[in-house]
């Protein structure tokens, strides 16, 4: 146990990890009525907004690994919230779109997520958001340094934050479809 008079050592992981879990709990509370998880809610919001989304676009928007996104979309498809269709002219591309039920659930989760983002905006400045976006870009660069240019991502991260919220279908992170994920 850490004594109360012991000074805490600030570390990036020590600061980010608890914040992630608190955010996940806040989102989970907001999404209880819709009975979806945070990753499911993000995917439903994306497919509801854009109607027809490729798996690659979902990967780019969420930063998830191929296997994670495939499992997530399969779970949503099994529950009847999304449908997958192969593109008629090119069978390599799979389109994901919401079902009627998925559209309704997506309509429930969208305002919940926006409410959390609005509440958080009270506590965080534009410069701090830019810092978070730069941190995300740095993490992507650490994962695959040969795949990403740190300078380009810092510049893109700052532009993305200033344009918040992003327009429907906007790229939110580097594509990891070609890079894969580390275990």
N, C-alpha and C. Protein backbone atom coordinates (compact mmCIF):
# COMPACT_ATOMS: atom_id res chain seq x y z
N UNK A 1 0.85 -1.19 0.00
CA UNK A 1 0.00 0.00 0.00
C UNK A 1 0.88 1.24 0.00
N UNK A 2 0.48 2.23 -0.75
CA UNK A 2 1.23 3.47 -0.83
C UNK A 2 0.81 4.38 0.31
N UNK A 3 1.80 4.86 1.07
CA UNK A 3 1.51 5.75 2.19
C UNK A 3 1.00 7.08 1.67
N UNK A 4 0.15 7.73 2.45
CA UNK A 4 -0.45 8.99 2.03
C UNK A 4 0.59 10.09 1.85
N UNK A 5 1.68 10.04 2.63
CA UNK A 5 2.69 11.10 2.53
C UNK A 5 3.76 10.81 1.48
N UNK A 6 3.65 9.67 0.79
CA UNK A 6 4.62 9.32 -0.25
C UNK A 6 4.29 10.10 -1.51
N UNK A 7 5.27 10.87 -2.04
CA UNK A 7 4.99 11.60 -3.27
C UNK A 7 4.77 10.63 -4.43
N UNK A 8 3.80 10.95 -5.26
CA UNK A 8 3.54 10.07 -6.40
C UNK A 8 4.47 10.44 -7.54
N UNK A 9 4.86 9.46 -8.29
CA UNK A 9 5.72 9.66 -9.45
C UNK A 9 4.83 9.72 -10.67
N UNK A 10 4.89 10.82 -11.38
CA UNK A 10 4.07 10.97 -12.56
C UNK A 10 4.67 10.17 -13.71
N UNK A 11 3.84 9.41 -14.37
CA UNK A 11 4.28 8.68 -15.55
C UNK A 11 3.14 8.70 -16.56
N UNK A 12 3.51 8.64 -17.81
CA UNK A 12 2.51 8.66 -18.86
C UNK A 12 1.55 7.49 -18.73
N UNK A 13 2.09 6.28 -18.56
CA UNK A 13 1.23 5.11 -18.41
C UNK A 13 0.38 5.20 -17.15
N UNK A 14 0.98 5.71 -16.08
CA UNK A 14 0.25 5.86 -14.83
C UNK A 14 -0.90 6.85 -14.94
N UNK A 15 -0.77 7.84 -15.81
CA UNK A 15 -1.82 8.83 -16.00
C UNK A 15 -2.88 8.37 -16.99
N UNK A 16 -2.45 7.76 -18.09
CA UNK A 16 -3.37 7.40 -19.17
C UNK A 16 -4.21 6.17 -18.83
N UNK A 17 -3.60 5.17 -18.23
CA UNK A 17 -4.30 3.90 -17.97
C UNK A 17 -5.54 4.09 -17.08
N UNK A 18 -5.42 4.76 -15.93
CA UNK A 18 -6.63 4.96 -15.12
C UNK A 18 -7.68 5.80 -15.85
N UNK A 19 -7.24 6.80 -16.60
CA UNK A 19 -8.20 7.64 -17.34
C UNK A 19 -8.99 6.81 -18.34
N UNK A 20 -8.31 5.89 -19.02
CA UNK A 20 -8.99 5.01 -19.98
C UNK A 20 -10.08 4.20 -19.27
N UNK A 21 -9.75 3.64 -18.11
CA UNK A 21 -10.73 2.80 -17.40
C UNK A 21 -11.91 3.62 -16.88
N UNK A 22 -11.64 4.82 -16.39
CA UNK A 22 -12.74 5.68 -15.93
C UNK A 22 -13.63 6.04 -17.11
N UNK A 23 -13.03 6.39 -18.24
CA UNK A 23 -13.81 6.71 -19.44
C UNK A 23 -14.65 5.51 -19.87
N UNK A 24 -14.07 4.33 -19.83
CA UNK A 24 -14.81 3.12 -20.21
C UNK A 24 -16.00 2.90 -19.28
N UNK A 25 -15.83 3.16 -17.97
CA UNK A 25 -16.95 3.00 -17.04
C UNK A 25 -18.03 4.05 -17.30
N UNK A 26 -17.63 5.30 -17.58
CA UNK A 26 -18.61 6.34 -17.90
C UNK A 26 -19.42 5.97 -19.13
N UNK A 27 -18.73 5.49 -20.15
CA UNK A 27 -19.41 5.10 -21.38
C UNK A 27 -20.32 3.91 -21.11
N UNK A 28 -19.85 2.93 -20.34
CA UNK A 28 -20.65 1.74 -20.05
C UNK A 28 -21.96 2.13 -19.35
N UNK A 29 -21.89 3.08 -18.42
CA UNK A 29 -23.12 3.52 -17.74
C UNK A 29 -24.10 4.15 -18.73
N UNK A 30 -23.57 4.95 -19.64
CA UNK A 30 -24.43 5.61 -20.63
C UNK A 30 -25.05 4.61 -21.60
N UNK A 31 -24.36 3.50 -21.83
CA UNK A 31 -24.80 2.54 -22.85
C UNK A 31 -25.60 1.37 -22.28
N UNK A 32 -25.87 1.38 -20.97
CA UNK A 32 -26.59 0.26 -20.35
C UNK A 32 -27.93 -0.02 -21.03
N UNK A 33 -28.69 1.02 -21.32
CA UNK A 33 -30.02 0.84 -21.92
C UNK A 33 -29.94 0.20 -23.30
N UNK A 34 -28.88 0.52 -24.04
CA UNK A 34 -28.71 -0.03 -25.39
C UNK A 34 -28.10 -1.43 -25.36
N UNK A 35 -27.57 -1.85 -24.21
CA UNK A 35 -26.95 -3.17 -24.04
C UNK A 35 -25.83 -3.43 -25.04
N UNK A 36 -24.97 -2.41 -25.25
CA UNK A 36 -23.81 -2.57 -26.11
C UNK A 36 -22.57 -2.08 -25.36
N UNK A 37 -21.42 -2.60 -25.78
CA UNK A 37 -20.15 -2.18 -25.19
C UNK A 37 -19.65 -0.92 -25.89
N UNK A 38 -18.59 -0.32 -25.34
CA UNK A 38 -18.04 0.88 -25.95
C UNK A 38 -17.56 0.63 -27.38
N UNK A 39 -16.79 -0.44 -27.65
CA UNK A 39 -16.38 -0.68 -29.04
C UNK A 39 -17.57 -0.92 -29.98
N UNK A 40 -18.59 -1.64 -29.48
CA UNK A 40 -19.78 -1.87 -30.30
C UNK A 40 -20.49 -0.56 -30.59
N UNK A 41 -20.58 0.31 -29.59
CA UNK A 41 -21.23 1.60 -29.77
C UNK A 41 -20.50 2.45 -30.80
N UNK A 42 -19.17 2.43 -30.76
CA UNK A 42 -18.40 3.21 -31.73
C UNK A 42 -18.65 2.71 -33.15
N UNK A 43 -18.67 1.39 -33.32
CA UNK A 43 -18.92 0.83 -34.66
C UNK A 43 -20.34 1.17 -35.11
N UNK A 44 -21.32 1.03 -34.22
CA UNK A 44 -22.70 1.35 -34.59
C UNK A 44 -22.85 2.82 -34.96
N UNK A 45 -22.16 3.69 -34.24
CA UNK A 45 -22.24 5.12 -34.57
C UNK A 45 -21.64 5.38 -35.95
N UNK A 46 -20.53 4.72 -36.26
CA UNK A 46 -19.88 4.91 -37.56
C UNK A 46 -20.77 4.39 -38.69
N UNK A 47 -21.30 3.16 -38.55
CA UNK A 47 -22.09 2.59 -39.65
C UNK A 47 -23.45 3.28 -39.77
N UNK A 48 -23.99 3.77 -38.69
CA UNK A 48 -25.27 4.49 -38.77
C UNK A 48 -25.08 5.82 -39.48
N UNK A 49 -23.99 6.49 -39.21
CA UNK A 49 -23.72 7.79 -39.82
C UNK A 49 -23.38 7.66 -41.29
N UNK A 50 -22.63 6.61 -41.66
CA UNK A 50 -22.12 6.49 -43.02
C UNK A 50 -22.86 5.48 -43.88
N UNK A 51 -23.76 4.71 -43.31
CA UNK A 51 -24.59 3.71 -44.00
C UNK A 51 -23.84 2.53 -44.58
N UNK A 52 -22.91 2.73 -45.49
CA UNK A 52 -22.12 1.63 -46.05
C UNK A 52 -20.65 1.89 -45.75
N UNK A 53 -20.06 1.02 -44.95
CA UNK A 53 -18.68 1.22 -44.51
C UNK A 53 -17.90 -0.05 -44.79
N UNK A 54 -16.71 0.09 -45.34
CA UNK A 54 -15.86 -1.08 -45.55
C UNK A 54 -15.17 -1.44 -44.24
N UNK A 55 -14.70 -2.66 -44.15
CA UNK A 55 -13.97 -3.08 -42.96
C UNK A 55 -12.72 -2.22 -42.79
N UNK A 56 -12.07 -1.89 -43.88
CA UNK A 56 -10.87 -1.04 -43.81
C UNK A 56 -11.20 0.31 -43.18
N UNK A 57 -12.33 0.89 -43.57
CA UNK A 57 -12.74 2.17 -42.99
C UNK A 57 -13.02 2.04 -41.50
N UNK A 58 -13.63 0.93 -41.09
CA UNK A 58 -13.85 0.70 -39.66
C UNK A 58 -12.53 0.57 -38.92
N UNK A 59 -11.59 -0.14 -39.52
CA UNK A 59 -10.27 -0.29 -38.89
C UNK A 59 -9.58 1.06 -38.75
N UNK A 60 -9.65 1.87 -39.79
CA UNK A 60 -9.00 3.19 -39.74
C UNK A 60 -9.68 4.11 -38.73
N UNK A 61 -11.00 4.03 -38.63
CA UNK A 61 -11.73 4.91 -37.73
C UNK A 61 -11.54 4.55 -36.27
N UNK A 62 -11.31 3.28 -35.98
CA UNK A 62 -11.21 2.84 -34.59
C UNK A 62 -9.80 2.50 -34.15
N UNK A 63 -8.90 2.22 -35.08
CA UNK A 63 -7.54 1.82 -34.72
C UNK A 63 -7.45 0.38 -34.25
N UNK A 64 -8.51 -0.40 -34.44
CA UNK A 64 -8.52 -1.79 -33.99
C UNK A 64 -7.73 -2.69 -34.93
N UNK A 65 -7.36 -3.85 -34.44
CA UNK A 65 -6.69 -4.87 -35.26
C UNK A 65 -7.74 -5.55 -36.16
N UNK A 66 -7.26 -6.18 -37.22
CA UNK A 66 -8.16 -6.91 -38.12
C UNK A 66 -9.00 -7.93 -37.36
N UNK A 67 -8.34 -8.74 -36.54
CA UNK A 67 -9.05 -9.81 -35.84
C UNK A 67 -10.06 -9.25 -34.84
N UNK A 68 -9.70 -8.18 -34.16
CA UNK A 68 -10.60 -7.57 -33.20
C UNK A 68 -11.84 -7.02 -33.90
N UNK A 69 -11.63 -6.31 -35.00
CA UNK A 69 -12.76 -5.73 -35.73
C UNK A 69 -13.63 -6.82 -36.34
N UNK A 70 -13.01 -7.87 -36.87
CA UNK A 70 -13.79 -8.97 -37.44
C UNK A 70 -14.68 -9.61 -36.37
N UNK A 71 -14.13 -9.83 -35.18
CA UNK A 71 -14.91 -10.40 -34.08
C UNK A 71 -16.03 -9.47 -33.66
N UNK A 72 -15.72 -8.21 -33.59
CA UNK A 72 -16.71 -7.22 -33.18
C UNK A 72 -17.87 -7.14 -34.16
N UNK A 73 -17.56 -7.07 -35.45
CA UNK A 73 -18.61 -7.00 -36.47
C UNK A 73 -19.41 -8.31 -36.51
N UNK A 74 -18.74 -9.44 -36.34
CA UNK A 74 -19.44 -10.73 -36.29
C UNK A 74 -20.42 -10.76 -35.12
N UNK A 75 -19.98 -10.26 -33.97
CA UNK A 75 -20.86 -10.21 -32.79
C UNK A 75 -22.07 -9.31 -33.06
N UNK A 76 -21.85 -8.17 -33.68
CA UNK A 76 -22.97 -7.27 -34.00
C UNK A 76 -23.90 -7.90 -35.04
N UNK A 77 -23.31 -8.62 -35.99
CA UNK A 77 -24.11 -9.29 -37.02
C UNK A 77 -24.95 -10.41 -36.40
N UNK A 78 -24.38 -11.17 -35.49
CA UNK A 78 -25.09 -12.25 -34.82
C UNK A 78 -26.28 -11.71 -34.02
N UNK A 79 -26.11 -10.53 -33.45
CA UNK A 79 -27.18 -9.91 -32.67
C UNK A 79 -28.19 -9.17 -33.55
N UNK A 80 -27.96 -9.17 -34.86
CA UNK A 80 -28.90 -8.54 -35.79
C UNK A 80 -28.79 -7.03 -35.87
N UNK A 81 -27.62 -6.48 -35.51
CA UNK A 81 -27.45 -5.03 -35.51
C UNK A 81 -26.79 -4.50 -36.78
N UNK A 82 -26.01 -5.35 -37.46
CA UNK A 82 -25.39 -4.95 -38.73
C UNK A 82 -25.51 -6.10 -39.72
N UNK A 83 -25.36 -5.75 -40.99
CA UNK A 83 -25.30 -6.75 -42.07
C UNK A 83 -24.00 -6.53 -42.83
N UNK A 84 -23.44 -7.62 -43.32
CA UNK A 84 -22.25 -7.51 -44.16
C UNK A 84 -22.59 -7.99 -45.56
N UNK A 85 -22.08 -7.26 -46.55
CA UNK A 85 -22.29 -7.61 -47.95
C UNK A 85 -20.98 -7.43 -48.70
N UNK A 86 -20.69 -8.38 -49.59
CA UNK A 86 -19.51 -8.21 -50.43
C UNK A 86 -19.84 -7.25 -51.55
N UNK A 87 -18.88 -6.41 -51.88
CA UNK A 87 -19.06 -5.45 -52.96
C UNK A 87 -19.24 -6.21 -54.26
N UNK A 88 -20.24 -5.86 -55.04
CA UNK A 88 -20.60 -6.60 -56.24
C UNK A 88 -19.44 -6.75 -57.22
N UNK A 89 -18.74 -5.69 -57.53
CA UNK A 89 -17.68 -5.74 -58.53
C UNK A 89 -16.34 -6.23 -58.00
N UNK A 90 -16.17 -6.21 -56.68
CA UNK A 90 -14.88 -6.57 -56.10
C UNK A 90 -15.13 -7.34 -54.81
N UNK A 91 -15.02 -8.65 -54.86
CA UNK A 91 -15.34 -9.50 -53.71
C UNK A 91 -14.36 -9.37 -52.56
N UNK A 92 -13.25 -8.64 -52.78
CA UNK A 92 -12.28 -8.45 -51.70
C UNK A 92 -12.79 -7.46 -50.66
N UNK A 93 -13.77 -6.65 -51.03
CA UNK A 93 -14.27 -5.62 -50.12
C UNK A 93 -15.61 -6.04 -49.54
N UNK A 94 -15.71 -5.94 -48.22
CA UNK A 94 -16.96 -6.23 -47.53
C UNK A 94 -17.51 -4.93 -46.97
N UNK A 95 -18.77 -4.68 -47.26
CA UNK A 95 -19.44 -3.49 -46.74
C UNK A 95 -20.24 -3.86 -45.51
N UNK A 96 -20.23 -3.00 -44.53
CA UNK A 96 -21.01 -3.19 -43.32
C UNK A 96 -22.03 -2.08 -43.25
N UNK A 97 -23.27 -2.44 -42.97
CA UNK A 97 -24.31 -1.42 -42.82
C UNK A 97 -25.22 -1.83 -41.68
N UNK A 98 -25.90 -0.86 -41.08
CA UNK A 98 -26.77 -1.20 -39.95
C UNK A 98 -28.08 -1.82 -40.43
N UNK A 99 -28.61 -2.72 -39.65
CA UNK A 99 -29.96 -3.21 -39.88
C UNK A 99 -30.92 -2.15 -39.31
N UNK A 100 -32.20 -2.38 -39.46
CA UNK A 100 -33.16 -1.43 -38.88
C UNK A 100 -32.96 -1.35 -37.36
N UNK A 101 -32.80 -2.50 -36.72
CA UNK A 101 -32.56 -2.52 -35.27
C UNK A 101 -31.23 -1.84 -34.94
N UNK A 102 -30.20 -2.11 -35.75
CA UNK A 102 -28.90 -1.48 -35.53
C UNK A 102 -28.97 0.03 -35.66
N UNK A 103 -29.80 0.51 -36.59
CA UNK A 103 -30.00 1.95 -36.74
C UNK A 103 -30.65 2.56 -35.51
N UNK A 104 -31.62 1.83 -34.94
CA UNK A 104 -32.29 2.31 -33.73
C UNK A 104 -31.32 2.34 -32.55
N UNK A 105 -30.56 1.25 -32.39
CA UNK A 105 -29.58 1.20 -31.29
C UNK A 105 -28.50 2.25 -31.52
N UNK A 106 -28.05 2.39 -32.76
CA UNK A 106 -27.06 3.42 -33.08
C UNK A 106 -27.59 4.82 -32.77
N UNK A 107 -28.88 5.01 -32.99
CA UNK A 107 -29.51 6.29 -32.66
C UNK A 107 -29.55 6.54 -31.16
N UNK A 108 -29.58 5.46 -30.38
CA UNK A 108 -29.54 5.60 -28.92
C UNK A 108 -28.13 5.91 -28.43
N UNK A 109 -27.14 5.24 -29.02
CA UNK A 109 -25.77 5.38 -28.50
C UNK A 109 -25.11 6.67 -28.95
N UNK A 110 -25.47 7.16 -30.13
CA UNK A 110 -24.85 8.39 -30.63
C UNK A 110 -24.96 9.55 -29.65
N UNK A 111 -26.18 9.89 -29.22
CA UNK A 111 -26.33 10.99 -28.26
C UNK A 111 -25.64 10.71 -26.92
N UNK A 112 -25.60 9.44 -26.50
CA UNK A 112 -24.92 9.10 -25.25
C UNK A 112 -23.43 9.41 -25.34
N UNK A 113 -22.81 9.01 -26.45
CA UNK A 113 -21.39 9.27 -26.63
C UNK A 113 -21.13 10.77 -26.77
N UNK A 114 -22.00 11.47 -27.48
CA UNK A 114 -21.84 12.92 -27.65
C UNK A 114 -21.99 13.64 -26.31
N UNK A 115 -22.87 13.15 -25.45
CA UNK A 115 -23.04 13.76 -24.13
C UNK A 115 -21.77 13.63 -23.31
N UNK A 116 -21.15 12.46 -23.35
CA UNK A 116 -19.89 12.26 -22.62
C UNK A 116 -18.82 13.20 -23.17
N UNK A 117 -18.72 13.29 -24.49
CA UNK A 117 -17.71 14.17 -25.09
C UNK A 117 -17.98 15.63 -24.72
N UNK A 118 -19.24 16.02 -24.68
CA UNK A 118 -19.59 17.39 -24.30
C UNK A 118 -19.21 17.64 -22.84
N UNK A 119 -19.51 16.68 -21.97
CA UNK A 119 -19.15 16.82 -20.55
C UNK A 119 -17.63 16.91 -20.37
N UNK A 120 -16.90 16.12 -21.12
CA UNK A 120 -15.43 16.15 -21.02
C UNK A 120 -14.85 17.45 -21.54
N UNK A 121 -15.51 18.08 -22.51
CA UNK A 121 -15.01 19.32 -23.09
C UNK A 121 -14.89 20.43 -22.05
N UNK A 122 -15.64 20.34 -20.96
CA UNK A 122 -15.56 21.32 -19.89
C UNK A 122 -14.19 21.25 -19.20
N UNK A 123 -13.60 20.07 -19.17
CA UNK A 123 -12.36 19.85 -18.42
C UNK A 123 -11.10 19.86 -19.27
N UNK A 124 -11.23 19.95 -20.57
CA UNK A 124 -10.05 19.82 -21.42
C UNK A 124 -10.04 20.93 -22.48
N UNK A 125 -8.90 21.55 -22.63
CA UNK A 125 -8.77 22.62 -23.60
C UNK A 125 -8.45 22.05 -24.98
N UNK A 126 -8.54 22.90 -25.98
CA UNK A 126 -8.20 22.49 -27.34
C UNK A 126 -6.75 22.04 -27.41
N UNK A 127 -5.86 22.75 -26.73
CA UNK A 127 -4.44 22.38 -26.73
C UNK A 127 -4.23 21.01 -26.08
N UNK A 128 -4.98 20.73 -25.03
CA UNK A 128 -4.86 19.43 -24.38
C UNK A 128 -5.39 18.31 -25.28
N UNK A 129 -6.46 18.61 -26.00
CA UNK A 129 -6.97 17.61 -26.97
C UNK A 129 -5.94 17.35 -28.04
N UNK A 130 -5.27 18.42 -28.50
CA UNK A 130 -4.20 18.25 -29.48
C UNK A 130 -3.10 17.37 -28.90
N UNK A 131 -2.81 17.55 -27.62
CA UNK A 131 -1.81 16.71 -26.96
C UNK A 131 -2.22 15.24 -26.93
N UNK A 132 -3.48 14.99 -26.68
CA UNK A 132 -3.98 13.61 -26.67
C UNK A 132 -3.89 13.01 -28.07
N UNK A 133 -4.27 13.79 -29.07
CA UNK A 133 -4.18 13.31 -30.45
C UNK A 133 -2.72 13.05 -30.84
N UNK A 134 -1.82 13.90 -30.37
CA UNK A 134 -0.39 13.70 -30.64
C UNK A 134 0.10 12.44 -29.93
N UNK A 135 -0.37 12.21 -28.71
CA UNK A 135 -0.01 11.00 -27.98
C UNK A 135 -0.47 9.77 -28.75
N UNK A 136 -1.70 9.78 -29.25
CA UNK A 136 -2.21 8.65 -30.04
C UNK A 136 -1.34 8.43 -31.27
N UNK A 137 -0.98 9.51 -31.94
CA UNK A 137 -0.13 9.40 -33.13
C UNK A 137 1.23 8.82 -32.75
N UNK A 138 1.76 9.25 -31.62
CA UNK A 138 3.04 8.71 -31.16
C UNK A 138 2.95 7.23 -30.85
N UNK A 139 1.85 6.81 -30.25
CA UNK A 139 1.68 5.38 -29.94
C UNK A 139 1.61 4.56 -31.22
N UNK A 140 0.88 5.06 -32.22
CA UNK A 140 0.84 4.36 -33.51
C UNK A 140 2.23 4.29 -34.12
N UNK A 141 2.98 5.38 -34.01
CA UNK A 141 4.34 5.41 -34.56
C UNK A 141 5.26 4.44 -33.84
N UNK A 142 5.09 4.30 -32.52
CA UNK A 142 5.90 3.34 -31.77
C UNK A 142 5.59 1.91 -32.17
N UNK A 143 4.32 1.65 -32.43
CA UNK A 143 3.92 0.30 -32.79
C UNK A 143 4.52 -0.11 -34.14
N UNK A 144 4.50 0.78 -35.09
CA UNK A 144 5.02 0.48 -36.43
C UNK A 144 5.83 1.67 -36.95
N UNK A 145 7.04 1.87 -36.45
CA UNK A 145 7.81 3.07 -36.83
C UNK A 145 8.10 3.16 -38.32
N UNK A 146 8.25 2.03 -38.98
CA UNK A 146 8.55 2.07 -40.41
C UNK A 146 7.33 2.43 -41.24
N UNK A 147 6.16 2.41 -40.61
CA UNK A 147 4.92 2.60 -41.35
C UNK A 147 4.39 4.03 -41.26
N UNK A 148 4.78 4.76 -40.22
CA UNK A 148 4.22 6.08 -39.98
C UNK A 148 5.31 7.13 -39.82
N UNK A 149 5.01 8.33 -40.26
CA UNK A 149 5.90 9.47 -40.09
C UNK A 149 5.40 10.30 -38.92
N UNK A 150 6.22 10.42 -37.87
CA UNK A 150 5.80 11.12 -36.66
C UNK A 150 5.42 12.57 -36.96
N UNK A 151 6.19 13.26 -37.76
CA UNK A 151 5.88 14.66 -38.07
C UNK A 151 4.54 14.79 -38.77
N UNK A 152 4.29 13.93 -39.75
CA UNK A 152 3.02 13.99 -40.46
C UNK A 152 1.85 13.75 -39.51
N UNK A 153 2.00 12.79 -38.59
CA UNK A 153 0.90 12.48 -37.69
C UNK A 153 0.66 13.57 -36.68
N UNK A 154 1.71 14.25 -36.23
CA UNK A 154 1.49 15.38 -35.32
C UNK A 154 0.70 16.47 -36.02
N UNK A 155 1.06 16.76 -37.25
CA UNK A 155 0.36 17.79 -38.02
C UNK A 155 -1.09 17.36 -38.26
N UNK A 156 -1.30 16.11 -38.68
CA UNK A 156 -2.66 15.62 -38.93
C UNK A 156 -3.48 15.59 -37.65
N UNK A 157 -2.84 15.21 -36.53
CA UNK A 157 -3.55 15.15 -35.25
C UNK A 157 -4.05 16.53 -34.86
N UNK A 158 -3.23 17.55 -35.01
CA UNK A 158 -3.64 18.91 -34.67
C UNK A 158 -4.79 19.37 -35.56
N UNK A 159 -4.74 19.07 -36.83
CA UNK A 159 -5.82 19.45 -37.75
C UNK A 159 -7.10 18.72 -37.38
N UNK A 160 -7.00 17.42 -37.05
CA UNK A 160 -8.17 16.63 -36.69
C UNK A 160 -8.84 17.19 -35.45
N UNK A 161 -8.06 17.59 -34.46
CA UNK A 161 -8.64 18.10 -33.22
C UNK A 161 -9.34 19.43 -33.47
N UNK A 162 -8.74 20.29 -34.26
CA UNK A 162 -9.36 21.58 -34.54
C UNK A 162 -10.67 21.42 -35.30
N UNK A 163 -10.81 20.34 -36.03
CA UNK A 163 -12.03 20.10 -36.80
C UNK A 163 -13.01 19.22 -36.03
N UNK A 164 -12.85 19.10 -34.70
CA UNK A 164 -13.69 18.22 -33.90
C UNK A 164 -15.09 18.79 -33.81
N UNK A 165 -16.15 18.03 -33.84
CA UNK A 165 -16.14 16.60 -34.09
C UNK A 165 -15.87 16.32 -35.56
N UNK A 166 -15.29 15.16 -35.83
CA UNK A 166 -14.94 14.85 -37.22
C UNK A 166 -16.19 14.65 -38.07
N UNK A 167 -16.10 15.00 -39.35
CA UNK A 167 -17.24 14.75 -40.23
C UNK A 167 -17.46 13.26 -40.40
N UNK A 168 -18.68 12.83 -40.72
CA UNK A 168 -18.94 11.41 -40.91
C UNK A 168 -17.99 10.80 -41.94
N UNK A 169 -17.44 9.66 -41.59
CA UNK A 169 -16.54 8.95 -42.50
C UNK A 169 -15.12 9.46 -42.49
N UNK A 170 -14.84 10.44 -41.63
CA UNK A 170 -13.49 11.01 -41.59
C UNK A 170 -12.52 10.02 -40.98
N UNK A 171 -11.29 10.05 -41.43
CA UNK A 171 -10.25 9.18 -40.91
C UNK A 171 -9.86 9.66 -39.52
N UNK A 172 -9.81 8.75 -38.57
CA UNK A 172 -9.53 9.13 -37.19
C UNK A 172 -8.18 8.64 -36.71
N UNK A 173 -7.51 7.84 -37.45
CA UNK A 173 -6.22 7.32 -37.03
C UNK A 173 -5.55 6.65 -38.19
N UNK A 174 -4.32 6.26 -38.01
CA UNK A 174 -3.61 5.62 -39.11
C UNK A 174 -4.22 4.26 -39.43
N UNK A 175 -4.13 3.89 -40.68
CA UNK A 175 -4.61 2.58 -41.10
C UNK A 175 -3.70 1.51 -40.56
N UNK A 176 -4.27 0.53 -39.88
CA UNK A 176 -3.46 -0.56 -39.36
C UNK A 176 -3.78 -1.85 -40.10
N UNK A 177 -4.56 -1.75 -41.16
CA UNK A 177 -4.93 -2.97 -41.87
C UNK A 177 -3.73 -3.62 -42.52
N UNK A 178 -2.82 -2.82 -43.05
CA UNK A 178 -1.64 -3.38 -43.69
C UNK A 178 -0.57 -3.74 -42.66
N UNK A 179 -0.56 -3.01 -41.56
CA UNK A 179 0.49 -3.20 -40.57
C UNK A 179 0.22 -4.39 -39.66
N UNK A 180 -1.05 -4.71 -39.44
CA UNK A 180 -1.38 -5.78 -38.51
C UNK A 180 -1.22 -5.29 -37.08
N UNK A 181 -1.38 -6.16 -36.13
CA UNK A 181 -1.26 -5.79 -34.73
C UNK A 181 -0.29 -6.73 -34.04
N UNK A 182 0.39 -6.19 -33.06
CA UNK A 182 1.29 -7.03 -32.27
C UNK A 182 0.50 -7.68 -31.16
N UNK A 183 0.89 -8.87 -30.81
CA UNK A 183 0.19 -9.58 -29.74
C UNK A 183 0.54 -9.01 -28.40
